[in-house]
Amino acid sequence: MTTTETPVTADPAAGGGPSLASPPRRAGGRIGLAWVLLSSLGIAAFAVAPYLTASLEALADSGTGGLADHYAAQPPAVLVAFYVHIVAGGIALVTGPFQFWRGLRDRAPGVHRWTGRVSLVAIAVAGLAGLALAPFSAAGLVGTFGFGTLAVLWLLSGWRGYRAIRRGDVPSHRAWMTRTFALTYAAVTLRLWLPLLMFAQVPFAGAGGFDAGAAFANAYAVVPFLCWLPNLIVAEWLIRRRGLPSYRLVAGQGTR
């Protein structure tokens, strides 16, 4: 496994530190960033907020709380991890897109650095809480391995991104933070996949009609891996397209 290298230049706006030389963002990139920002804010508002404004029992009774009925019956320690994961994950989801806003990096590097620190701390907290929650996933063993792997990779990629910027390696930092946000964005793609997977089961409904509860359970058994694996593939494609250090398999060689 090898990495490609990209030239680094000095960035006076960042206090003389290294900066990746890159062309102006195209219209497609601006549209993509706008979508990522709006979808992240939307999920943070409509998927996270309900758990912070009502009890799990109330959400379970109303039928609008998603996994509220599952976690309402869990031990207190699991509930603490659940709420910590929600709050910290919401912060990471909201702050993450701003790290890819070139205007913010160029015009307010101090704001970029501080939001980055907040995002990384939130990822560390949410990742550890997610790792603690994985064995209690409503998706069973698949959820334990799927969400557990997501938490480990999330923590690892965030750490690699932090270590890269500490040693002044801006290209590697951007590559690792792209991967990190791809994993953060699993909170959005999970909620996009669920209705699609449920809808895909409609043609197979039996004589008793479509069972939304069963369809949700079937869909949720798939998303523990589906919510983040495609994200990483897209992230690696973007990393290579932008000339950042990327992973690639080399025939006849091991990893290095």
Protein backbone atom coordinates (compact mmCIF):
# COMPACT_ATOMS: atom_id res chain seq x y z
CA MET A 1 0.00 0.00 0.00
CA THR A 2 1.59 3.31 -1.05
CA THR A 3 0.69 6.96 -0.92
CA THR A 4 0.93 9.69 -3.50
CA GLU A 5 2.66 12.90 -2.55
CA THR A 6 1.49 16.46 -3.16
CA PRO A 7 3.67 19.60 -3.04
CA VAL A 8 3.32 21.79 0.02
CA THR A 9 3.77 25.55 0.04
CA ALA A 10 3.94 28.15 2.77
CA ASP A 11 0.67 29.75 3.76
CA PRO A 12 1.19 33.27 5.17
CA ALA A 13 -2.41 33.44 6.38
CA ALA A 14 -1.74 30.44 8.60
CA GLY A 15 1.30 32.01 10.18
CA GLY A 16 3.84 30.73 7.64
CA GLY A 17 2.89 27.06 8.10
CA PRO A 18 2.49 24.58 5.26
CA SER A 19 -0.56 24.71 3.02
CA LEU A 20 -1.74 22.53 0.15
CA ALA A 21 -1.65 24.31 -3.17
CA SER A 22 -4.97 23.60 -4.88
CA PRO A 23 -7.06 25.10 -7.70
CA PRO A 24 -10.21 27.14 -7.03
CA ARG A 25 -13.25 25.13 -6.06
CA ARG A 26 -15.56 24.37 -8.97
CA ALA A 27 -19.30 24.91 -8.99
CA GLY A 28 -19.88 21.19 -8.45
CA GLY A 29 -17.69 21.29 -5.37
CA ARG A 30 -19.60 24.26 -3.95
CA ILE A 31 -22.91 22.50 -4.56
CA GLY A 32 -21.59 19.34 -2.92
CA LEU A 33 -20.35 21.26 0.11
CA ALA A 34 -23.70 23.04 0.40
CA TRP A 35 -25.53 19.69 0.31
CA VAL A 36 -23.24 18.19 2.93
CA LEU A 37 -23.63 21.24 5.18
CA LEU A 38 -27.42 21.44 4.88
CA SER A 39 -27.95 17.69 5.27
CA SER A 40 -25.65 17.59 8.30
CA LEU A 41 -27.46 20.50 9.95
CA GLY A 42 -30.80 18.94 9.07
CA ILE A 43 -29.97 15.59 10.65
CA ALA A 44 -28.52 17.32 13.71
CA ALA A 45 -31.74 19.30 14.10
CA PHE A 46 -34.37 16.68 13.28
CA ALA A 47 -32.70 13.44 14.39
CA VAL A 48 -30.71 14.54 17.42
CA ALA A 49 -32.96 17.25 18.88
CA PRO A 50 -35.91 14.94 19.74
CA TYR A 51 -33.73 12.92 22.13
CA LEU A 52 -32.75 16.12 23.92
CA THR A 53 -36.27 17.52 24.25
CA ALA A 54 -38.21 14.46 25.44
CA SER A 55 -37.58 11.33 27.47
CA LEU A 56 -36.94 8.00 25.77
CA GLU A 57 -40.15 6.65 27.29
CA ALA A 58 -42.18 9.52 25.81
CA LEU A 59 -40.55 9.10 22.42
CA ALA A 60 -41.17 5.35 22.50
CA ASP A 61 -44.85 5.89 23.32
CA SER A 62 -45.24 8.45 20.54
CA GLY A 63 -43.59 6.19 17.98
CA THR A 64 -41.40 9.05 16.70
CA GLY A 65 -38.21 8.28 18.59
CA GLY A 66 -36.62 5.72 16.29
CA LEU A 67 -34.60 3.56 18.65
CA ALA A 68 -36.04 5.09 21.82
CA ASP A 69 -37.98 1.94 22.75
CA HIS A 70 -34.80 -0.15 22.50
CA TYR A 71 -32.57 2.11 24.61
CA ALA A 72 -35.25 3.06 27.15
CA ALA A 73 -34.92 -0.42 28.66
CA GLN A 74 -31.11 -0.37 28.86
CA PRO A 75 -29.05 0.02 32.09
CA PRO A 76 -28.14 3.56 33.28
CA ALA A 77 -24.52 3.28 32.06
CA VAL A 78 -25.73 2.50 28.54
CA LEU A 79 -28.13 5.44 28.66
CA VAL A 80 -25.28 7.76 29.64
CA ALA A 81 -23.21 6.49 26.70
CA PHE A 82 -26.24 6.90 24.44
CA TYR A 83 -26.77 10.57 25.32
CA VAL A 84 -23.05 11.36 25.26
CA HIS A 85 -22.82 9.80 21.80
CA ILE A 86 -25.81 11.81 20.56
CA VAL A 87 -24.59 15.17 21.88
CA ALA A 88 -20.93 14.78 20.89
CA GLY A 89 -21.84 13.20 17.56
CA GLY A 90 -24.21 16.10 16.83
CA ILE A 91 -21.43 18.60 17.53
CA ALA A 92 -19.05 16.71 15.21
CA LEU A 93 -21.72 16.60 12.51
CA VAL A 94 -22.38 20.35 12.73
CA THR A 95 -18.75 21.50 12.89
CA GLY A 96 -17.32 19.01 10.38
CA PRO A 97 -18.53 20.57 7.10
CA PHE A 98 -17.07 23.96 8.01
CA GLN A 99 -13.59 22.41 8.00
CA PHE A 100 -13.89 21.97 4.22
CA TRP A 101 -14.97 25.57 3.60
CA ARG A 102 -11.95 27.04 1.79
CA GLY A 103 -13.06 30.62 2.43
CA LEU A 104 -13.03 30.01 6.17
CA ARG A 105 -9.58 28.41 6.02
CA ASP A 106 -8.13 31.26 3.97
CA ARG A 107 -9.79 34.25 5.64
CA ALA A 108 -10.11 33.06 9.23
CA PRO A 109 -7.48 30.35 9.86
CA GLY A 110 -7.88 30.81 13.61
CA VAL A 111 -11.59 29.96 13.40
CA HIS A 112 -10.74 26.98 11.21
CA ARG A 113 -8.25 25.69 13.79
CA TRP A 114 -10.60 26.13 16.75
CA THR A 115 -13.60 24.52 15.05
CA GLY A 116 -11.26 21.71 14.05
CA ARG A 117 -10.24 21.20 17.67
CA VAL A 118 -13.87 21.19 18.79
CA SER A 119 -14.72 18.69 16.05
CA LEU A 120 -11.86 16.36 16.97
CA VAL A 121 -12.71 16.42 20.68
CA ALA A 122 -16.36 15.72 19.84
CA ILE A 123 -15.30 12.82 17.60
CA ALA A 124 -13.11 11.37 20.36
CA VAL A 125 -15.95 11.54 22.88
CA ALA A 126 -18.65 10.30 20.49
CA GLY A 127 -16.39 7.54 19.16
CA LEU A 128 -15.63 6.17 22.62
CA ALA A 129 -19.32 6.35 23.55
CA GLY A 130 -20.24 4.63 20.28
CA LEU A 131 -17.74 1.88 21.02
CA ALA A 132 -19.39 1.36 24.41
CA LEU A 133 -22.84 1.26 22.76
CA ALA A 134 -21.94 -1.21 20.01
CA PRO A 135 -22.54 -4.37 22.09
CA PHE A 136 -26.07 -3.11 22.86
CA SER A 137 -27.03 -2.33 19.25
CA ALA A 138 -30.61 -3.01 18.21
CA ALA A 139 -29.17 -4.69 15.11
CA GLY A 140 -27.66 -7.46 17.22
CA LEU A 141 -24.32 -8.98 16.29
CA VAL A 142 -24.23 -7.22 12.92
CA GLY A 143 -24.71 -3.91 14.70
CA THR A 144 -22.01 -4.73 17.24
CA PHE A 145 -19.45 -5.38 14.52
CA GLY A 146 -20.69 -2.73 12.07
CA PHE A 147 -21.04 0.17 14.50
CA GLY A 148 -18.07 -1.05 16.54
CA THR A 149 -15.83 -0.97 13.45
CA LEU A 150 -17.20 2.46 12.57
CA ALA A 151 -16.29 3.77 16.04
CA VAL A 152 -12.76 2.34 15.88
CA LEU A 153 -12.10 3.75 12.39
CA TRP A 154 -13.61 7.10 13.39
CA LEU A 155 -11.28 7.38 16.37
CA LEU A 156 -8.27 6.19 14.39
CA SER A 157 -8.78 8.50 11.41
CA GLY A 158 -9.40 11.51 13.66
CA TRP A 159 -6.19 10.73 15.57
CA ARG A 160 -4.21 10.35 12.33
CA GLY A 161 -5.57 13.68 11.10
CA TYR A 162 -4.56 15.38 14.35
CA ARG A 163 -1.07 13.86 14.30
CA ALA A 164 -0.57 14.90 10.67
CA ILE A 165 -1.31 18.58 11.35
CA ARG A 166 0.82 18.55 14.48
CA ARG A 167 3.85 17.61 12.38
CA GLY A 168 2.91 20.15 9.69
CA ASP A 169 1.83 17.61 7.07
CA VAL A 170 -1.13 19.49 5.62
CA PRO A 171 -1.85 17.14 2.65
CA SER A 172 -2.02 14.09 4.94
CA HIS A 173 -4.10 16.07 7.43
CA ARG A 174 -6.65 16.94 4.76
CA ALA A 175 -6.74 13.37 3.51
CA TRP A 176 -7.32 11.94 6.98
CA MET A 177 -9.91 14.57 7.87
CA THR A 178 -11.75 13.77 4.65
CA ARG A 179 -11.91 10.15 5.77
CA THR A 180 -12.90 11.22 9.27
CA PHE A 181 -15.81 13.31 8.06
CA ALA A 182 -16.91 10.51 5.71
CA LEU A 183 -17.32 8.40 8.85
CA THR A 184 -19.02 11.28 10.71
CA TYR A 185 -21.43 11.62 7.79
CA ALA A 186 -22.61 8.06 8.47
CA ALA A 187 -25.16 9.73 10.76
CA VAL A 188 -26.72 11.22 7.61
CA THR A 189 -26.35 8.31 5.22
CA LEU A 190 -27.81 5.91 7.78
CA ARG A 191 -30.99 7.94 7.76
CA LEU A 192 -31.00 8.10 3.97
CA TRP A 193 -30.51 4.35 3.58
CA LEU A 194 -33.22 3.37 6.07
CA PRO A 195 -36.25 4.70 4.13
CA LEU A 196 -34.78 3.47 0.84
CA LEU A 197 -34.29 -0.03 2.23
CA MET A 198 -37.77 0.00 3.74
CA PHE A 199 -39.32 1.14 0.46
CA ALA A 200 -37.43 -1.60 -1.40
CA GLN A 201 -39.36 -4.17 0.65
CA VAL A 202 -42.81 -2.91 -0.39
CA PRO A 203 -43.06 -5.13 -3.52
CA PHE A 204 -42.38 -8.18 -1.34
CA ALA A 205 -45.16 -7.50 1.16
CA GLY A 206 -47.30 -10.56 1.79
CA ALA A 207 -51.04 -10.94 1.89
CA GLY A 208 -51.13 -9.21 5.27
CA GLY A 209 -49.85 -5.97 3.75
CA PHE A 210 -46.72 -3.96 4.38
CA ASP A 211 -45.40 -4.24 7.95
CA ALA A 212 -43.44 -1.05 8.64
CA GLY A 213 -42.01 -2.39 11.90
CA ALA A 214 -40.64 -5.53 10.29
CA ALA A 215 -39.34 -3.53 7.32
CA PHE A 216 -37.49 -1.18 9.67
CA ALA A 217 -35.95 -4.12 11.53
CA ASN A 218 -34.79 -5.66 8.24
CA ALA A 219 -33.33 -2.35 7.05
CA TYR A 220 -31.61 -1.68 10.36
CA ALA A 221 -29.91 -5.06 10.15
CA VAL A 222 -28.10 -3.86 7.01
CA VAL A 223 -27.15 -0.24 7.76
CA PRO A 224 -24.46 -0.89 10.42
CA PHE A 225 -22.02 -1.41 7.53
CA LEU A 226 -23.88 0.23 4.66
CA CYS A 227 -23.98 3.64 6.38
CA TRP A 228 -20.20 4.12 6.29
CA LEU A 229 -18.49 1.76 3.83
CA PRO A 230 -19.69 3.61 0.67
CA ASN A 231 -18.77 6.90 2.36
CA LEU A 232 -15.15 5.78 2.73
CA ILE A 233 -15.04 4.70 -0.91
CA VAL A 234 -16.26 8.12 -2.03
CA ALA A 235 -13.82 9.81 0.36
CA GLU A 236 -10.87 7.87 -1.07
CA TRP A 237 -11.96 8.78 -4.60
CA LEU A 238 -12.06 12.48 -3.62
CA ILE A 239 -8.67 12.21 -1.94
CA ARG A 240 -7.06 10.78 -5.09
CA ARG A 241 -8.87 13.26 -7.33
CA ARG A 242 -7.44 16.14 -5.30
CA GLY A 243 -3.92 14.72 -5.35
CA LEU A 244 -3.79 14.06 -1.61
CA PRO A 245 -1.92 11.10 -0.09
CA SER A 246 -4.12 8.09 -0.71
CA TYR A 247 -4.06 4.35 -0.14
CA ARG A 248 -3.65 2.14 -3.16
CA LEU A 249 -2.85 -1.55 -3.59
CA VAL A 250 0.32 -2.33 -5.48
CA ALA A 251 0.49 -5.73 -7.24
CA GLY A 252 3.19 -8.02 -5.95
CA GLN A 253 3.90 -5.92 -2.85
CA GLY A 254 2.71 -5.89 0.69
CA THR A 255 1.67 -2.78 2.56
CA ARG A 256 4.09 -0.06 3.52
